[in-house]
Each structure stands twice: as structure tokens, then as C-alpha cells.
């Protein structure tokens, strides 16, 4: 049954599974995997991991860092 269910996983779980598999295979290096999850709809940006997903976040451009979403929550990923 596990095989059947895993074949229907979406792009996000599959992507994290691949990233985690690659980083685990590189035993001579240390990795830190972080994730943020946003929704952009009708020019509104919402943090789907934040405390209030209805809050519209603002986009800013930084010359050194590129595009920044102020107040965006980032979490450490350890497994799919």
C-alpha cells in the first residue's frame, strides 16, 4: 500500500524527498535545509506557514539579497 500512496505524492513532497536523499548521500558535507511556503494570488502574498495566513506580506528588492518577503516564516526541514 505504501508504494501505491507514494506514487500519488505531489511535487513538493517529491522535491523534498529528492533533496533529502541527495544531502544524506553526501556524508562528507553538512547541509541545512530550510523552507518557506507562500501563496501569491491577485497580487497578494500570504505566508502559509505563519500564524496569520490572511496577512498580506510585502515584497522588497535588496541589491545584495535579491527579492525579500518581509516577515516570511522559515522552518528547518528534517524529513518529508
PDB file of N, CA and C in Angstrom:
ATOM      1  N   UNK A   1       0.816  -1.205   0.000  1.00  0.00           N
ATOM      2  CA  UNK A   1       0.000   0.000   0.000  1.00  0.00           C
ATOM      3  C   UNK A   1       0.856   1.264   0.000  1.00  0.00           C
ATOM      4  N   UNK A   2       1.983   1.239   0.691  1.00  0.00           N
ATOM      5  CA  UNK A   2       2.876   2.401   0.750  1.00  0.00           C
ATOM      6  C   UNK A   2       3.314   2.842  -0.642  1.00  0.00           C
ATOM      7  N   UNK A   3       3.680   1.875  -1.480  1.00  0.00           N
ATOM      8  CA  UNK A   3       4.109   2.194  -2.836  1.00  0.00           C
ATOM      9  C   UNK A   3       3.004   2.894  -3.608  1.00  0.00           C
ATOM     10  N   UNK A   4       1.793   2.425  -3.457  1.00  0.00           N
ATOM     11  CA  UNK A   4       0.641   2.998  -4.140  1.00  0.00           C
ATOM     12  C   UNK A   4       0.421   4.447  -3.718  1.00  0.00           C
ATOM     13  N   UNK A   5       0.453   4.693  -2.427  1.00  0.00           N
ATOM     14  CA  UNK A   5       0.220   6.040  -1.904  1.00  0.00           C
ATOM     15  C   UNK A   5       1.346   6.980  -2.317  1.00  0.00           C
ATOM     16  N   UNK A   6       2.599   6.528  -2.225  1.00  0.00           N
ATOM     17  CA  UNK A   6       3.725   7.408  -2.550  1.00  0.00           C
ATOM     18  C   UNK A   6       3.751   7.790  -4.020  1.00  0.00           C
ATOM     19  N   UNK A   7       3.175   6.984  -4.896  1.00  0.00           N
ATOM     20  CA  UNK A   7       3.164   7.326  -6.312  1.00  0.00           C
ATOM     21  C   UNK A   7       2.234   8.493  -6.602  1.00  0.00           C
ATOM     22  N   UNK A   8       1.371   8.845  -5.647  1.00  0.00           N
ATOM     23  CA  UNK A   8       0.451   9.951  -5.831  1.00  0.00           C
ATOM     24  C   UNK A   8       0.859  11.201  -5.064  1.00  0.00           C
ATOM     25  N   UNK A   9       2.091  11.239  -4.565  1.00  0.00           N
ATOM     26  CA  UNK A   9       2.572  12.426  -3.870  1.00  0.00           C
ATOM     27  C   UNK A   9       2.710  13.570  -4.863  1.00  0.00           C
ATOM     28  N   UNK A  10       2.522  14.783  -4.362  1.00  0.00           N
ATOM     29  CA  UNK A  10       2.647  15.963  -5.207  1.00  0.00           C
ATOM     30  C   UNK A  10       4.095  16.385  -5.390  1.00  0.00           C
ATOM     31  N   UNK A  11       4.269  17.498  -6.063  1.00  0.00           N
ATOM     32  CA  UNK A  11       5.620  17.963  -6.413  1.00  0.00           C
ATOM     33  C   UNK A  11       6.419  18.387  -5.180  1.00  0.00           C
ATOM     34  N   UNK A  12       5.781  18.955  -4.174  1.00  0.00           N
ATOM     35  CA  UNK A  12       6.524  19.424  -3.001  1.00  0.00           C
ATOM     36  C   UNK A  12       7.096  18.253  -2.199  1.00  0.00           C
ATOM     37  N   UNK A  13       6.307  17.234  -1.827  1.00  0.00           N
ATOM     38  CA  UNK A  13       6.905  16.100  -1.114  1.00  0.00           C
ATOM     39  C   UNK A  13       7.962  15.366  -1.945  1.00  0.00           C
ATOM     40  N   UNK A  14       7.739  15.240  -3.238  1.00  0.00           N
ATOM     41  CA  UNK A  14       8.729  14.572  -4.085  1.00  0.00           C
ATOM     42  C   UNK A  14      10.038  15.366  -4.148  1.00  0.00           C
ATOM     43  N   UNK A  15       9.914  16.678  -4.244  1.00  0.00           N
ATOM     44  CA  UNK A  15      11.106  17.528  -4.300  1.00  0.00           C
ATOM     45  C   UNK A  15      11.897  17.439  -3.000  1.00  0.00           C
ATOM     46  N   UNK A  16      11.211  17.546  -1.860  1.00  0.00           N
ATOM     47  CA  UNK A  16      11.903  17.432  -0.581  1.00  0.00           C
ATOM     48  C   UNK A  16      12.526  16.052  -0.403  1.00  0.00           C
ATOM     49  N   UNK A  17      11.835  15.024  -0.850  1.00  0.00           N
ATOM     50  CA  UNK A  17      12.393  13.676  -0.782  1.00  0.00           C
ATOM     51  C   UNK A  17      13.691  13.567  -1.555  1.00  0.00           C
ATOM     52  N   UNK A  18      13.732  14.156  -2.737  1.00  0.00           N
ATOM     53  CA  UNK A  18      14.938  14.127  -3.565  1.00  0.00           C
ATOM     54  C   UNK A  18      16.064  14.946  -2.929  1.00  0.00           C
ATOM     55  N   UNK A  19      15.740  16.134  -2.435  1.00  0.00           N
ATOM     56  CA  UNK A  19      16.755  16.978  -1.791  1.00  0.00           C
ATOM     57  C   UNK A  19      17.348  16.270  -0.574  1.00  0.00           C
ATOM     58  N   UNK A  20      16.495  15.686   0.247  1.00  0.00           N
ATOM     59  CA  UNK A  20      16.960  14.990   1.452  1.00  0.00           C
ATOM     60  C   UNK A  20      17.818  13.785   1.074  1.00  0.00           C
ATOM     61  N   UNK A  21      17.411  13.037   0.049  1.00  0.00           N
ATOM     62  CA  UNK A  21      18.189  11.873  -0.392  1.00  0.00           C
ATOM     63  C   UNK A  21      19.578  12.283  -0.868  1.00  0.00           C
ATOM     64  N   UNK A  22      19.665  13.359  -1.629  1.00  0.00           N
ATOM     65  CA  UNK A  22      20.963  13.828  -2.137  1.00  0.00           C
ATOM     66  C   UNK A  22      21.843  14.301  -0.994  1.00  0.00           C
ATOM     67  N   UNK A  23      21.288  15.063  -0.045  1.00  0.00           N
ATOM     68  CA  UNK A  23      22.109  15.573   1.055  1.00  0.00           C
ATOM     69  C   UNK A  23      22.577  14.452   1.976  1.00  0.00           C
ATOM     70  N   UNK A  24      21.745  13.437   2.167  1.00  0.00           N
ATOM     71  CA  UNK A  24      22.159  12.302   3.006  1.00  0.00           C
ATOM     72  C   UNK A  24      23.253  11.478   2.349  1.00  0.00           C
ATOM     73  N   UNK A  25      23.289  11.470   1.031  1.00  0.00           N
ATOM     74  CA  UNK A  25      24.324  10.695   0.328  1.00  0.00           C
ATOM     75  C   UNK A  25      25.679  11.386   0.374  1.00  0.00           C
ATOM     76  N   UNK A  26      25.713  12.663   0.701  1.00  0.00           N
ATOM     77  CA  UNK A  26      26.959  13.426   0.772  1.00  0.00           C
ATOM     78  C   UNK A  26      27.422  13.481   2.233  1.00  0.00           C
ATOM     79  N   UNK A  27      27.988  12.386   2.692  1.00  0.00           N
ATOM     80  CA  UNK A  27      28.354  12.273   4.109  1.00  0.00           C
ATOM     81  C   UNK A  27      29.532  13.157   4.506  1.00  0.00           C
ATOM     82  N   UNK A  28      30.309  13.624   3.537  1.00  0.00           N
ATOM     83  CA  UNK A  28      31.458  14.469   3.840  1.00  0.00           C
ATOM     84  C   UNK A  28      31.085  15.947   3.976  1.00  0.00           C
ATOM     85  N   UNK A  29      29.795  16.277   3.788  1.00  0.00           N
ATOM     86  CA  UNK A  29      29.336  17.661   3.877  1.00  0.00           C
ATOM     87  C   UNK A  29      28.175  17.759   4.848  1.00  0.00           C
ATOM     88  N   UNK A  30      28.001  18.955   5.425  1.00  0.00           N
ATOM     89  CA  UNK A  30      26.849  19.219   6.278  1.00  0.00           C
ATOM     90  C   UNK A  30      25.894  20.129   5.512  1.00  0.00           C
ATOM     91  N   UNK A  31      24.613  19.872   5.658  1.00  0.00           N
ATOM     92  CA  UNK A  31      23.602  20.649   4.958  1.00  0.00           C
ATOM     93  C   UNK A  31      22.548  21.140   5.944  1.00  0.00           C
ATOM     94  N   UNK A  32      21.994  22.294   5.646  1.00  0.00           N
ATOM     95  CA  UNK A  32      20.858  22.822   6.383  1.00  0.00           C
ATOM     96  C   UNK A  32      19.780  23.133   5.353  1.00  0.00           C
ATOM     97  N   UNK A  33      18.659  22.429   5.450  1.00  0.00           N
ATOM     98  CA  UNK A  33      17.570  22.624   4.502  1.00  0.00           C
ATOM     99  C   UNK A  33      16.490  23.435   5.203  1.00  0.00           C
ATOM    100  N   UNK A  34      16.122  24.558   4.610  1.00  0.00           N
ATOM    101  CA  UNK A  34      15.056  25.389   5.160  1.00  0.00           C
ATOM    102  C   UNK A  34      13.958  25.552   4.113  1.00  0.00           C
ATOM    103  N   UNK A  35      12.797  25.953   4.599  1.00  0.00           N
ATOM    104  CA  UNK A  35      11.640  26.061   3.713  1.00  0.00           C
ATOM    105  C   UNK A  35      10.743  27.204   4.146  1.00  0.00           C
ATOM    106  N   UNK A  36      10.198  27.883   3.162  1.00  0.00           N
ATOM    107  CA  UNK A  36       9.110  28.832   3.355  1.00  0.00           C
ATOM    108  C   UNK A  36       8.029  28.438   2.361  1.00  0.00           C
ATOM    109  N   UNK A  37       6.803  28.767   2.674  1.00  0.00           N
ATOM    110  CA  UNK A  37       5.691  28.357   1.821  1.00  0.00           C
ATOM    111  C   UNK A  37       4.750  29.539   1.671  1.00  0.00           C
ATOM    112  N   UNK A  38       4.657  30.080   0.460  1.00  0.00           N
ATOM    113  CA  UNK A  38       3.831  31.265   0.228  1.00  0.00           C
ATOM    114  C   UNK A  38       2.765  30.992  -0.825  1.00  0.00           C
ATOM    115  N   UNK A  39       1.766  31.835  -0.802  1.00  0.00           N
ATOM    116  CA  UNK A  39       0.740  31.848  -1.834  1.00  0.00           C
ATOM    117  C   UNK A  39       0.708  33.257  -2.399  1.00  0.00           C
ATOM    118  N   UNK A  40       0.770  33.361  -3.716  1.00  0.00           N
ATOM    119  CA  UNK A  40       0.620  34.657  -4.382  1.00  0.00           C
ATOM    120  C   UNK A  40      -0.644  34.566  -5.224  1.00  0.00           C
ATOM    121  N   UNK A  41      -1.618  35.405  -4.892  1.00  0.00           N
ATOM    122  CA  UNK A  41      -2.900  35.380  -5.575  1.00  0.00           C
ATOM    123  C   UNK A  41      -3.449  36.796  -5.632  1.00  0.00           C
ATOM    124  N   UNK A  42      -3.828  37.234  -6.818  1.00  0.00           N
ATOM    125  CA  UNK A  42      -4.351  38.599  -7.016  1.00  0.00           C
ATOM    126  C   UNK A  42      -3.414  39.649  -6.429  1.00  0.00           C
ATOM    127  N   UNK A  43      -2.120  39.489  -6.672  1.00  0.00           N
ATOM    128  CA  UNK A  43      -1.082  40.417  -6.217  1.00  0.00           C
ATOM    129  C   UNK A  43      -0.961  40.487  -4.692  1.00  0.00           C
ATOM    130  N   UNK A  44      -1.497  39.522  -3.986  1.00  0.00           N
ATOM    131  CA  UNK A  44      -1.355  39.433  -2.539  1.00  0.00           C
ATOM    132  C   UNK A  44      -0.448  38.257  -2.206  1.00  0.00           C
ATOM    133  N   UNK A  45       0.449  38.471  -1.242  1.00  0.00           N
ATOM    134  CA  UNK A  45       1.398  37.437  -0.824  1.00  0.00           C
ATOM    135  C   UNK A  45       1.044  37.006   0.591  1.00  0.00           C
ATOM    136  N   UNK A  46       0.813  35.696   0.773  1.00  0.00           N
ATOM    137  CA  UNK A  46       0.431  35.164   2.082  1.00  0.00           C
ATOM    138  C   UNK A  46       1.418  34.084   2.511  1.00  0.00           C
ATOM    139  N   UNK A  47       1.817  34.138   3.778  1.00  0.00           N
ATOM    140  CA  UNK A  47       2.717  33.154   4.373  1.00  0.00           C
ATOM    141  C   UNK A  47       1.881  31.988   4.876  1.00  0.00           C
ATOM    142  N   UNK A  48       1.983  30.831   4.215  1.00  0.00           N
ATOM    143  CA  UNK A  48       1.158  29.686   4.577  1.00  0.00           C
ATOM    144  C   UNK A  48       1.694  28.929   5.791  1.00  0.00           C
ATOM    145  N   UNK A  49       2.875  29.282   6.272  1.00  0.00           N
ATOM    146  CA  UNK A  49       3.421  28.679   7.495  1.00  0.00           C
ATOM    147  C   UNK A  49       3.329  29.624   8.685  1.00  0.00           C
ATOM    148  N   UNK A  50       2.926  30.852   8.452  1.00  0.00           N
ATOM    149  CA  UNK A  50       2.867  31.861   9.508  1.00  0.00           C
ATOM    150  C   UNK A  50       1.648  31.712  10.400  1.00  0.00           C
ATOM    151  N   UNK A  51       1.583  32.544  11.412  1.00  0.00           N
ATOM    152  CA  UNK A  51       0.480  32.496  12.372  1.00  0.00           C
ATOM    153  C   UNK A  51      -0.836  32.994  11.778  1.00  0.00           C
ATOM    154  N   UNK A  52      -0.760  33.963  10.883  1.00  0.00           N
ATOM    155  CA  UNK A  52      -1.971  34.531  10.280  1.00  0.00           C
ATOM    156  C   UNK A  52      -1.817  34.501   8.762  1.00  0.00           C
ATOM    157  N   UNK A  53      -2.417  33.515   8.117  1.00  0.00           N
ATOM    158  CA  UNK A  53      -2.232  33.374   6.666  1.00  0.00           C
ATOM    159  C   UNK A  53      -3.003  34.430   5.869  1.00  0.00           C
ATOM    160  N   UNK A  54      -3.843  35.216   6.538  1.00  0.00           N
ATOM    161  CA  UNK A  54      -4.595  36.257   5.845  1.00  0.00           C
ATOM    162  C   UNK A  54      -3.806  37.558   5.710  1.00  0.00           C
ATOM    163  N   UNK A  55      -2.716  37.693   6.471  1.00  0.00           N
ATOM    164  CA  UNK A  55      -1.902  38.901   6.404  1.00  0.00           C
ATOM    165  C   UNK A  55      -1.192  38.974   5.057  1.00  0.00           C
ATOM    166  N   UNK A  56      -1.306  40.137   4.406  1.00  0.00           N
ATOM    167  CA  UNK A  56      -0.637  40.351   3.127  1.00  0.00           C
ATOM    168  C   UNK A  56       0.784  40.842   3.388  1.00  0.00           C
ATOM    169  N   UNK A  57       1.768  40.071   2.949  1.00  0.00           N
ATOM    170  CA  UNK A  57       3.171  40.445   3.137  1.00  0.00           C
ATOM    171  C   UNK A  57       3.637  41.303   1.969  1.00  0.00           C
ATOM    172  N   UNK A  58       4.661  42.116   2.216  1.00  0.00           N
ATOM    173  CA  UNK A  58       5.161  42.988   1.152  1.00  0.00           C
ATOM    174  C   UNK A  58       6.475  42.461   0.583  1.00  0.00           C
ATOM    175  N   UNK A  59       6.615  42.635  -0.713  1.00  0.00           N
ATOM    176  CA  UNK A  59       7.841  42.255  -1.413  1.00  0.00           C
ATOM    177  C   UNK A  59       8.766  43.461  -1.491  1.00  0.00           C
ATOM    178  N   UNK A  60      10.035  43.241  -1.227  1.00  0.00           N
ATOM    179  CA  UNK A  60      11.048  44.301  -1.328  1.00  0.00           C
ATOM    180  C   UNK A  60      12.211  43.755  -2.135  1.00  0.00           C
ATOM    181  N   UNK A  61      12.898  44.631  -2.819  1.00  0.00           N
ATOM    182  CA  UNK A  61      14.086  44.209  -3.550  1.00  0.00           C
ATOM    183  C   UNK A  61      15.318  44.767  -2.864  1.00  0.00           C
ATOM    184  N   UNK A  62      16.278  43.877  -2.592  1.00  0.00           N
ATOM    185  CA  UNK A  62      17.522  44.225  -1.946  1.00  0.00           C
ATOM    186  C   UNK A  62      18.643  43.996  -2.953  1.00  0.00           C
ATOM    187  N   UNK A  63      19.532  44.974  -3.106  1.00  0.00           N
ATOM    188  CA  UNK A  63      20.610  44.851  -4.090  1.00  0.00           C
ATOM    189  C   UNK A  63      21.508  43.650  -3.833  1.00  0.00           C
ATOM    190  N   UNK A  64      21.737  43.307  -2.573  1.00  0.00           N
ATOM    191  CA  UNK A  64      22.622  42.196  -2.237  1.00  0.00           C
ATOM    192  C   UNK A  64      21.906  40.846  -2.183  1.00  0.00           C
ATOM    193  N   UNK A  65      20.700  40.843  -1.656  1.00  0.00           N
ATOM    194  CA  UNK A  65      19.987  39.584  -1.431  1.00  0.00           C
ATOM    195  C   UNK A  65      18.946  39.263  -2.488  1.00  0.00           C
ATOM    196  N   UNK A  66      18.588  40.215  -3.321  1.00  0.00           N
ATOM    197  CA  UNK A  66      17.541  39.992  -4.317  1.00  0.00           C
ATOM    198  C   UNK A  66      16.173  40.282  -3.731  1.00  0.00           C
ATOM    199  N   UNK A  67      15.191  39.506  -4.115  1.00  0.00           N
ATOM    200  CA  UNK A  67      13.820  39.707  -3.667  1.00  0.00           C
ATOM    201  C   UNK A  67      13.647  39.199  -2.236  1.00  0.00           C
ATOM    202  N   UNK A  68      13.019  40.018  -1.393  1.00  0.00           N
ATOM    203  CA  UNK A  68      12.802  39.679   0.017  1.00  0.00           C
ATOM    204  C   UNK A  68      11.318  39.838   0.324  1.00  0.00           C
ATOM    205  N   UNK A  69      10.774  38.886   1.081  1.00  0.00           N
ATOM    206  CA  UNK A  69       9.414  38.998   1.586  1.00  0.00           C
ATOM    207  C   UNK A  69       9.528  39.214   3.091  1.00  0.00           C
ATOM    208  N   UNK A  70       9.229  40.437   3.522  1.00  0.00           N
ATOM    209  CA  UNK A  70       9.395  40.786   4.934  1.00  0.00           C
ATOM    210  C   UNK A  70       8.406  40.028   5.807  1.00  0.00           C
ATOM    211  N   UNK A  71       8.900  39.458   6.911  1.00  0.00           N
ATOM    212  CA  UNK A  71       8.066  38.751   7.866  1.00  0.00           C
ATOM    213  C   UNK A  71       7.769  37.309   7.490  1.00  0.00           C
ATOM    214  N   UNK A  72       8.410  36.794   6.450  1.00  0.00           N
ATOM    215  CA  UNK A  72       8.168  35.430   5.996  1.00  0.00           C
ATOM    216  C   UNK A  72       8.789  34.423   6.959  1.00  0.00           C
ATOM    217  N   UNK A  73       8.010  33.443   7.372  1.00  0.00           N
ATOM    218  CA  UNK A  73       8.492  32.406   8.289  1.00  0.00           C
ATOM    219  C   UNK A  73       9.296  31.366   7.518  1.00  0.00           C
ATOM    220  N   UNK A  74      10.423  30.968   8.080  1.00  0.00           N
ATOM    221  CA  UNK A  74      11.267  29.932   7.510  1.00  0.00           C
ATOM    222  C   UNK A  74      11.450  28.843   8.556  1.00  0.00           C
ATOM    223  N   UNK A  75      11.276  27.593   8.136  1.00  0.00           N
ATOM    224  CA  UNK A  75      11.447  26.467   9.059  1.00  0.00           C
ATOM    225  C   UNK A  75      12.574  25.561   8.586  1.00  0.00           C
ATOM    226  N   UNK A  76      13.156  24.827   9.510  1.00  0.00           N
ATOM    227  CA  UNK A  76      14.187  23.837   9.183  1.00  0.00           C
ATOM    228  C   UNK A  76      13.487  22.530   8.827  1.00  0.00           C
ATOM    229  N   UNK A  77      13.906  21.933   7.714  1.00  0.00           N
ATOM    230  CA  UNK A  77      13.299  20.691   7.226  1.00  0.00           C
ATOM    231  C   UNK A  77      14.227  19.535   7.570  1.00  0.00           C
ATOM    232  N   UNK A  78      13.671  18.512   8.250  1.00  0.00           N
ATOM    233  CA  UNK A  78      14.453  17.344   8.612  1.00  0.00           C
ATOM    234  C   UNK A  78      13.953  16.092   7.906  1.00  0.00           C
ATOM    235  N   UNK A  79      12.714  16.121   7.454  1.00  0.00           N
ATOM    236  CA  UNK A  79      12.147  14.970   6.748  1.00  0.00           C
ATOM    237  C   UNK A  79      11.010  15.447   5.855  1.00  0.00           C
ATOM    238  N   UNK A  80      10.579  14.566   4.960  1.00  0.00           N
ATOM    239  CA  UNK A  80       9.476  14.903   4.079  1.00  0.00           C
ATOM    240  C   UNK A  80       8.217  15.120   4.905  1.00  0.00           C
TER     241      UNK A  80
END
